[in-house]
Amino acid sequence: MSNKNIVNPYEVKGKVDYNGLIHEFGLEKIDEKVLNRIQNHTRDLHQMLKRGIIFAHRDLNWILDEYEKGNKFFLYTGCGPSGPIHLGHLQMWYFTKWLQDKFDCELYFQFTDDEKFLYKNLSYEEIQKWTEENMLDVIAIGFNPKKTHFIIDTKHAGLLYPEAIKIAKKITFSTIKSSFGFTDSNNIGSIFYTSMQAVPAILPSVLKKKNVPCLIPLGVDQDPHFRIARDVFPKLGFYKPAILHKLMFPSLTGMNNVMSSSKGSVLITARDSPSEVKKKINKYAFSGGQATMEEHKKKGGNPEIDVSFQYLKHFFEESDERLNQLEKDYTSGKISTGEMKYYTIEKINQFLKEHQKRRESAKSKISKYFLKY
């Protein structure tokens, strides 16, 4: 990546070159051989795997080797509670649920309330409010409550901190600075935070007193935390976690931007009403169409930069056949940008309607998901 392009948990700047990230971060590209190995166990492939949305990995072949030996892995993912859940969050977590269902996995889900307090201009009380709100969206996804364990960093500090300091002792300040672009003005809590985020990847191994393989599905911007931690784990006697990397969910304003909770007006959240979704897509969704209808019918549109089409590809259109037809019709000019937006609005609203219904019933279930130790 050039100096103008930055990809880390705290800043994504410039057009993201995913092939460049594979080289820079030392990742392996998801190829047909890996997909076939996964499909041997899952029968079908999730659309995000088939379409290259999950595009890279670390040590996936190793964790499948372990699984085939009967050494089952657990899943670890999480949420930074500082605002409403948006479509990019949901995309990753619904894929995580697919993994849980297909591989019958335990899931450790971390709510990093400490991180958001350290990095955001929000009070501790505000962060706790968002933690409770975000938990409802996670529960609405439908994770198995018997196999899903919520960890809240400040509430489970007694469990996490003893392991975090062991990890922290092996990480230098210079490593943190070079990985995240920190300076001497960063607060000392933010410098320590990677150690807390690393702990759930080894927590079942600590609790069960034996090494348990871990698979972490994440957005590629989160990789620096685990690139650092993976160097430390073997020094403490633990496995390195395997990782699946997802393309970042695009902003409504264009494929070169990332959907982020800090950009409210261009954000579709899990709580948006049908009218809000319609307004945001129609007003903000970057179009790959031509300037006039006549020109569009003649030259066709570009689905690669059309945000509505990309939302369908990334998440909302499950049918490969339907997606391929939409791409063909848009490229030929047979369907307009307005028609593409209309179809996308309908798909998102139907999805959110069902999600929000489950979210309402989640309020009575929170206690079932807390990690007990």
Protein backbone atom coordinates (compact mmCIF):
# COMPACT_ATOMS: atom_id res chain seq x y z
CA MET A 1 0.00 0.00 0.00
CA SER A 2 1.21 3.51 -0.69
CA ASN A 3 1.72 6.08 2.02
CA LYS A 4 -1.64 7.60 1.08
CA ASN A 5 -3.49 4.33 1.67
CA ILE A 6 -4.02 3.27 5.27
CA VAL A 7 -5.90 0.19 6.46
CA ASN A 8 -6.05 -0.52 10.19
CA PRO A 9 -8.81 -0.77 12.83
CA TYR A 10 -8.75 2.98 13.46
CA GLU A 11 -8.36 4.43 9.99
CA VAL A 12 -9.13 3.37 6.44
CA LYS A 13 -7.83 5.94 4.00
CA GLY A 14 -7.64 5.86 0.21
CA LYS A 15 -8.79 3.21 -2.24
CA VAL A 16 -8.23 -0.22 -0.74
CA ASP A 17 -6.08 -2.51 -2.89
CA TYR A 18 -7.03 -5.95 -1.61
CA ASN A 19 -4.41 -7.76 -3.64
CA GLY A 20 -1.89 -5.31 -2.23
CA LEU A 21 -3.12 -6.07 1.29
CA ILE A 22 -2.62 -9.79 0.71
CA HIS A 23 1.03 -9.05 -0.04
CA GLU A 24 1.51 -6.39 2.65
CA PHE A 25 -0.22 -8.29 5.46
CA GLY A 26 1.16 -11.70 4.42
CA LEU A 27 -2.26 -13.27 3.78
CA GLU A 28 -3.22 -16.19 1.56
CA LYS A 29 -5.87 -15.75 -1.09
CA ILE A 30 -8.98 -17.93 -0.89
CA ASP A 31 -8.74 -20.21 -3.94
CA GLU A 32 -10.78 -23.05 -5.43
CA LYS A 33 -8.78 -25.66 -3.53
CA VAL A 34 -9.63 -24.04 -0.18
CA LEU A 35 -13.27 -23.58 -1.19
CA ASN A 36 -13.51 -27.26 -2.09
CA ARG A 37 -12.11 -28.23 1.32
CA ILE A 38 -14.72 -26.09 3.05
CA GLN A 39 -17.51 -27.46 0.88
CA ASN A 40 -16.52 -31.02 1.76
CA HIS A 41 -17.75 -30.23 5.27
CA THR A 42 -20.54 -27.73 4.61
CA ARG A 43 -22.11 -29.28 1.44
CA ASP A 44 -22.95 -25.83 0.10
CA LEU A 45 -20.88 -22.65 0.10
CA HIS A 46 -21.97 -19.37 1.58
CA GLN A 47 -22.50 -16.68 -1.06
CA MET A 48 -19.73 -14.56 0.49
CA LEU A 49 -17.26 -17.37 -0.14
CA LYS A 50 -18.46 -18.04 -3.67
CA ARG A 51 -18.34 -14.36 -4.63
CA GLY A 52 -14.94 -13.56 -3.14
CA ILE A 53 -16.29 -11.33 -0.37
CA ILE A 54 -14.38 -13.57 2.03
CA PHE A 55 -11.19 -13.21 0.04
CA ALA A 56 -8.18 -14.20 2.14
CA HIS A 57 -7.11 -16.24 5.14
CA ARG A 58 -4.40 -17.19 7.57
CA ASP A 59 -3.85 -20.87 8.39
CA LEU A 60 -7.27 -22.03 7.19
CA ASN A 61 -5.80 -25.28 5.86
CA TRP A 62 -4.26 -25.96 9.27
CA ILE A 63 -7.55 -25.48 11.10
CA LEU A 64 -9.35 -27.75 8.61
CA ASP A 65 -6.61 -30.34 9.20
CA GLU A 66 -7.33 -30.12 12.93
CA TYR A 67 -11.07 -30.36 12.36
CA GLU A 68 -10.63 -33.45 10.21
CA LYS A 69 -8.60 -35.02 13.02
CA GLY A 70 -11.56 -34.46 15.36
CA ASN A 71 -10.01 -31.45 17.09
CA LYS A 72 -12.95 -29.04 16.76
CA PHE A 73 -12.29 -25.32 16.59
CA PHE A 74 -14.21 -22.46 18.18
CA LEU A 75 -15.15 -19.13 16.59
CA TYR A 76 -14.24 -15.70 17.89
CA THR A 77 -15.58 -12.37 16.66
CA GLY A 78 -16.79 -9.19 18.28
CA CYS A 79 -18.30 -5.73 18.33
CA GLY A 80 -17.05 -2.29 19.33
CA PRO A 81 -20.12 -0.71 20.97
CA SER A 82 -20.15 3.01 20.21
CA GLY A 83 -23.21 3.46 18.01
CA PRO A 84 -25.92 1.64 16.08
CA ILE A 85 -25.12 -1.57 14.22
CA HIS A 86 -24.83 -1.07 10.47
CA LEU A 87 -25.06 -3.38 7.46
CA GLY A 88 -21.33 -4.10 7.39
CA HIS A 89 -21.45 -5.46 10.94
CA LEU A 90 -24.47 -7.62 10.18
CA GLN A 91 -22.89 -9.05 7.03
CA MET A 92 -19.92 -10.41 9.00
CA TRP A 93 -22.01 -11.80 11.83
CA TYR A 94 -24.54 -13.58 9.62
CA PHE A 95 -21.60 -15.28 7.93
CA THR A 96 -20.27 -16.21 11.38
CA LYS A 97 -23.64 -17.78 12.20
CA TRP A 98 -23.36 -19.85 9.01
CA LEU A 99 -19.98 -21.10 10.20
CA GLN A 100 -21.40 -21.91 13.63
CA ASP A 101 -24.25 -23.88 12.10
CA LYS A 102 -22.15 -25.74 9.54
CA PHE A 103 -19.27 -26.68 11.86
CA ASP A 104 -21.31 -26.89 15.11
CA CYS A 105 -18.95 -24.43 16.80
CA GLU A 106 -18.77 -22.65 20.10
CA LEU A 107 -18.66 -18.88 19.55
CA TYR A 108 -16.95 -16.39 21.84
CA PHE A 109 -18.31 -12.91 21.08
CA GLN A 110 -16.39 -9.98 22.58
CA PHE A 111 -17.93 -6.56 23.25
CA THR A 112 -14.98 -4.17 23.44
CA ASP A 113 -16.52 -1.48 25.61
CA ASP A 114 -13.08 -0.57 26.95
CA GLU A 115 -11.71 0.05 23.46
CA LYS A 116 -14.54 2.37 22.48
CA PHE A 117 -14.29 4.32 25.72
CA LEU A 118 -10.57 4.82 25.08
CA TYR A 119 -10.91 5.80 21.44
CA LYS A 120 -14.25 7.62 21.21
CA ASN A 121 -15.42 10.91 22.66
CA LEU A 122 -18.19 9.14 24.57
CA SER A 123 -18.76 8.69 28.29
CA TYR A 124 -18.47 5.31 29.97
CA GLU A 125 -22.24 5.37 30.52
CA GLU A 126 -22.92 6.02 26.84
CA ILE A 127 -20.69 3.10 25.88
CA GLN A 128 -22.62 0.81 28.25
CA LYS A 129 -25.89 1.92 26.66
CA TRP A 130 -24.58 1.01 23.21
CA THR A 131 -23.27 -2.31 24.53
CA GLU A 132 -26.77 -3.28 25.63
CA GLU A 133 -28.29 -2.06 22.36
CA ASN A 134 -25.73 -3.87 20.20
CA MET A 135 -26.26 -7.13 22.08
CA LEU A 136 -29.86 -7.18 20.88
CA ASP A 137 -28.75 -7.07 17.24
CA VAL A 138 -26.25 -9.86 17.81
CA ILE A 139 -28.87 -12.07 19.48
CA ALA A 140 -31.30 -11.31 16.61
CA ILE A 141 -28.91 -13.02 14.21
CA GLY A 142 -29.88 -16.33 15.74
CA PHE A 143 -26.68 -17.68 17.25
CA ASN A 144 -27.15 -20.84 19.29
CA PRO A 145 -27.43 -19.61 22.92
CA LYS A 146 -26.04 -22.90 24.24
CA LYS A 147 -22.90 -22.44 22.18
CA THR A 148 -22.52 -18.63 22.16
CA HIS A 149 -20.72 -16.77 24.94
CA PHE A 150 -20.78 -12.98 25.30
CA ILE A 151 -17.70 -11.36 26.79
CA ILE A 152 -17.84 -7.71 27.86
CA ASP A 153 -14.34 -6.48 28.51
CA THR A 154 -15.05 -4.37 31.59
CA LYS A 155 -17.48 -6.93 33.06
CA HIS A 156 -15.19 -9.91 32.41
CA ALA A 157 -11.99 -8.04 33.28
CA GLY A 158 -11.17 -10.43 36.09
CA LEU A 159 -11.04 -13.25 33.56
CA LEU A 160 -9.36 -11.37 30.70
CA TYR A 161 -6.78 -9.20 32.46
CA PRO A 162 -4.45 -11.93 33.79
CA GLU A 163 -4.03 -13.26 30.25
CA ALA A 164 -3.86 -9.77 28.71
CA ILE A 165 -0.84 -8.77 30.79
CA LYS A 166 1.00 -11.93 29.71
CA ILE A 167 0.40 -10.95 26.09
CA ALA A 168 1.23 -7.28 26.73
CA LYS A 169 4.60 -8.20 28.21
CA LYS A 170 5.62 -9.63 24.82
CA ILE A 171 4.56 -6.59 22.73
CA THR A 172 6.71 -3.47 22.44
CA PHE A 173 5.46 0.09 22.12
CA SER A 174 7.36 0.41 18.84
CA THR A 175 5.37 -2.53 17.40
CA ILE A 176 2.08 -0.87 18.35
CA LYS A 177 3.16 2.49 16.96
CA SER A 178 4.26 1.06 13.62
CA SER A 179 1.14 -1.11 13.26
CA PHE A 180 -1.46 1.54 14.07
CA GLY A 181 0.29 4.84 13.38
CA PHE A 182 0.17 5.82 17.04
CA THR A 183 2.16 8.77 18.38
CA ASP A 184 3.22 9.89 21.85
CA SER A 185 -0.13 11.70 22.16
CA ASN A 186 -2.14 8.43 22.21
CA ASN A 187 -3.52 7.63 25.65
CA ILE A 188 -1.81 4.71 27.40
CA GLY A 189 -5.02 2.67 27.46
CA SER A 190 -5.16 2.59 23.68
CA ILE A 191 -1.58 1.34 23.54
CA PHE A 192 -2.49 -1.61 25.78
CA TYR A 193 -5.76 -2.48 24.04
CA THR A 194 -4.46 -5.04 21.49
CA SER A 195 -3.63 -7.29 24.45
CA MET A 196 -7.28 -7.34 25.54
CA GLN A 197 -8.57 -8.04 22.03
CA ALA A 198 -6.15 -10.97 21.74
CA VAL A 199 -7.38 -12.84 24.84
CA PRO A 200 -10.61 -14.44 23.51
CA ALA A 201 -8.53 -16.25 20.86
CA ILE A 202 -6.93 -18.29 23.66
CA LEU A 203 -9.60 -18.07 26.38
CA PRO A 204 -11.14 -21.55 25.82
CA SER A 205 -7.62 -22.98 25.89
CA VAL A 206 -7.05 -21.28 29.24
CA LEU A 207 -10.39 -22.39 30.68
CA LYS A 208 -10.11 -26.00 29.44
CA LYS A 209 -6.38 -26.22 30.19
CA LYS A 210 -5.64 -27.60 26.74
CA ASN A 211 -5.03 -26.02 23.34
CA VAL A 212 -8.21 -25.47 21.34
CA PRO A 213 -7.99 -24.20 17.72
CA CYS A 214 -9.59 -20.83 17.02
CA LEU A 215 -11.03 -19.37 13.80
CA ILE A 216 -11.60 -15.61 13.61
CA PRO A 217 -13.81 -14.16 10.85
CA LEU A 218 -13.07 -10.45 10.55
CA GLY A 219 -12.98 -7.40 8.31
CA VAL A 220 -9.48 -7.08 6.90
CA ASP A 221 -8.97 -3.73 8.66
CA GLN A 222 -8.92 -5.62 11.99
CA ASP A 223 -6.02 -7.86 10.94
CA PRO A 224 -3.21 -5.77 12.53
CA HIS A 225 -4.39 -6.67 16.06
CA PHE A 226 -4.06 -10.37 15.32
CA ARG A 227 -0.94 -10.07 13.20
CA ILE A 228 0.74 -8.82 16.38
CA ALA A 229 -0.97 -11.33 18.67
CA ARG A 230 -0.19 -14.33 16.46
CA ASP A 231 3.51 -13.67 16.99
CA VAL A 232 2.98 -13.76 20.75
CA PHE A 233 0.70 -16.78 21.23
CA PRO A 234 3.32 -19.51 20.53
CA LYS A 235 5.67 -17.84 23.03
CA LEU A 236 2.96 -18.41 25.65
CA GLY A 237 2.32 -22.01 24.54
CA PHE A 238 -0.87 -21.41 22.51
CA TYR A 239 -1.93 -22.07 18.92
CA LYS A 240 -2.02 -19.18 16.49
CA PRO A 241 -5.65 -18.53 15.52
CA ALA A 242 -6.70 -19.05 11.91
CA ILE A 243 -8.38 -16.06 10.29
CA LEU A 244 -10.88 -15.42 7.48
CA HIS A 245 -10.73 -11.93 5.97
CA LYS A 246 -13.72 -10.09 4.52
CA LEU A 247 -13.81 -7.20 2.08
CA MET A 248 -14.95 -4.05 3.84
CA PHE A 249 -18.59 -3.13 3.29
CA PRO A 250 -18.80 -0.11 0.97
CA SER A 251 -20.24 3.22 1.96
CA LEU A 252 -23.30 4.48 0.16
CA THR A 253 -21.13 7.26 -1.27
CA GLY A 254 -18.95 4.94 -3.33
CA MET A 255 -16.81 1.83 -3.52
CA ASN A 256 -13.69 3.74 -2.45
CA ASN A 257 -15.24 4.49 0.94
CA VAL A 258 -16.11 2.18 3.82
CA MET A 259 -19.38 2.09 5.76
CA SER A 260 -18.53 3.47 9.18
CA SER A 261 -20.49 4.27 12.33
CA SER A 262 -18.87 7.72 12.37
CA LYS A 263 -20.64 8.72 9.13
CA GLY A 264 -24.27 8.78 10.17
CA SER A 265 -25.89 10.32 7.12
CA VAL A 266 -24.44 7.70 4.76
CA LEU A 267 -25.05 4.78 7.10
CA ILE A 268 -27.81 2.19 6.91
CA THR A 269 -28.34 0.80 10.39
CA ALA A 270 -30.07 -2.31 11.68
CA ARG A 271 -32.79 -0.10 13.17
CA ASP A 272 -33.62 1.97 10.07
CA SER A 273 -37.25 2.12 8.96
CA PRO A 274 -38.28 1.26 5.38
CA SER A 275 -38.65 4.95 4.58
CA GLU A 276 -35.19 5.74 5.97
CA VAL A 277 -33.62 2.98 3.87
CA LYS A 278 -35.43 4.21 0.78
CA LYS A 279 -34.35 7.80 1.38
CA LYS A 280 -30.71 6.90 1.98
CA ILE A 281 -30.40 4.61 -1.04
CA ASN A 282 -32.13 7.05 -3.38
CA LYS A 283 -30.23 10.07 -2.11
CA TYR A 284 -26.75 8.73 -1.42
CA ALA A 285 -26.15 5.41 -3.21
CA PHE A 286 -23.43 6.00 -5.80
CA SER A 287 -24.59 5.07 -9.28
CA GLY A 288 -22.76 3.18 -11.99
CA GLY A 289 -25.24 4.40 -14.58
CA GLN A 290 -24.91 6.99 -17.32
CA ALA A 291 -25.85 10.66 -17.09
CA THR A 292 -29.10 10.29 -19.06
CA MET A 293 -31.56 7.46 -19.59
CA GLU A 294 -30.93 7.56 -23.34
CA GLU A 295 -27.19 7.22 -22.82
CA HIS A 296 -27.69 4.49 -20.23
CA LYS A 297 -29.80 2.41 -22.62
CA LYS A 298 -27.12 2.81 -25.26
CA LYS A 299 -23.95 2.29 -23.21
CA GLY A 300 -25.22 0.46 -20.13
CA GLY A 301 -24.07 0.83 -16.54
CA ASN A 302 -21.03 -0.29 -14.56
CA PRO A 303 -22.07 -2.71 -11.77
CA GLU A 304 -18.52 -2.72 -10.34
CA ILE A 305 -18.96 0.84 -9.06
CA ASP A 306 -22.73 0.81 -8.56
CA VAL A 307 -23.30 0.67 -4.81
CA SER A 308 -26.81 -0.78 -5.03
CA PHE A 309 -25.59 -3.71 -7.11
CA GLN A 310 -22.62 -4.22 -4.82
CA TYR A 311 -24.91 -4.38 -1.77
CA LEU A 312 -26.81 -7.16 -3.52
CA LYS A 313 -23.56 -8.95 -4.37
CA HIS A 314 -22.03 -8.56 -0.93
CA PHE A 315 -25.03 -9.70 1.05
CA PHE A 316 -28.65 -9.18 0.04
CA GLU A 317 -29.17 -11.28 -3.10
CA GLU A 318 -28.76 -14.95 -2.25
CA SER A 319 -29.55 -16.23 -5.73
CA ASP A 320 -26.47 -16.37 -7.96
CA GLU A 321 -28.73 -16.74 -10.98
CA ARG A 322 -30.71 -13.61 -10.14
CA LEU A 323 -27.53 -11.65 -9.36
CA ASN A 324 -25.95 -12.64 -12.68
CA GLN A 325 -29.08 -11.59 -14.56
CA LEU A 326 -29.13 -8.21 -12.80
CA GLU A 327 -25.49 -7.67 -13.68
CA LYS A 328 -26.13 -8.59 -17.33
CA ASP A 329 -29.22 -6.38 -17.60
CA TYR A 330 -27.54 -3.40 -15.93
CA THR A 331 -24.41 -3.70 -18.08
CA SER A 332 -26.53 -3.82 -21.23
CA GLY A 333 -28.71 -0.90 -20.18
CA LYS A 334 -31.83 -3.02 -20.00
CA ILE A 335 -32.48 -1.92 -16.42
CA SER A 336 -31.85 1.57 -15.08
CA THR A 337 -30.11 2.81 -11.96
CA GLY A 338 -33.54 3.66 -10.51
CA GLU A 339 -34.73 0.09 -11.03
CA MET A 340 -31.54 -1.27 -9.45
CA LYS A 341 -32.05 1.00 -6.45
CA TYR A 342 -35.69 0.00 -6.13
CA TYR A 343 -34.83 -3.70 -6.10
CA THR A 344 -32.05 -3.14 -3.56
CA ILE A 345 -34.34 -1.13 -1.28
CA GLU A 346 -36.90 -3.94 -1.35
CA LYS A 347 -34.27 -6.57 -0.49
CA ILE A 348 -32.74 -4.57 2.36
CA ASN A 349 -36.11 -3.70 3.86
CA GLN A 350 -37.31 -7.29 3.77
CA PHE A 351 -34.10 -8.38 5.49
CA LEU A 352 -34.35 -5.66 8.15
CA LYS A 353 -38.02 -6.38 8.78
CA GLU A 354 -37.18 -9.94 9.84
CA HIS A 355 -34.06 -8.88 11.74
CA GLN A 356 -35.94 -6.19 13.68
CA LYS A 357 -38.70 -8.62 14.57
CA ARG A 358 -36.14 -10.98 16.10
CA ARG A 359 -34.43 -8.03 17.78
CA GLU A 360 -37.60 -7.19 19.73
CA SER A 361 -37.81 -10.70 21.12
CA ALA A 362 -34.09 -10.66 22.00
CA LYS A 363 -34.58 -8.39 25.01
CA SER A 364 -35.59 -11.27 27.25
CA LYS A 365 -32.70 -13.49 26.14
CA ILE A 366 -29.57 -11.49 26.97
CA SER A 367 -28.73 -13.37 30.16
CA LYS A 368 -28.63 -16.68 28.28
CA TYR A 369 -25.63 -15.50 26.27
CA PHE A 370 -23.31 -14.18 28.99
CA LEU A 371 -20.13 -16.18 29.46
CA LYS A 372 -20.21 -17.82 32.86
CA TYR A 373 -16.97 -19.02 34.39
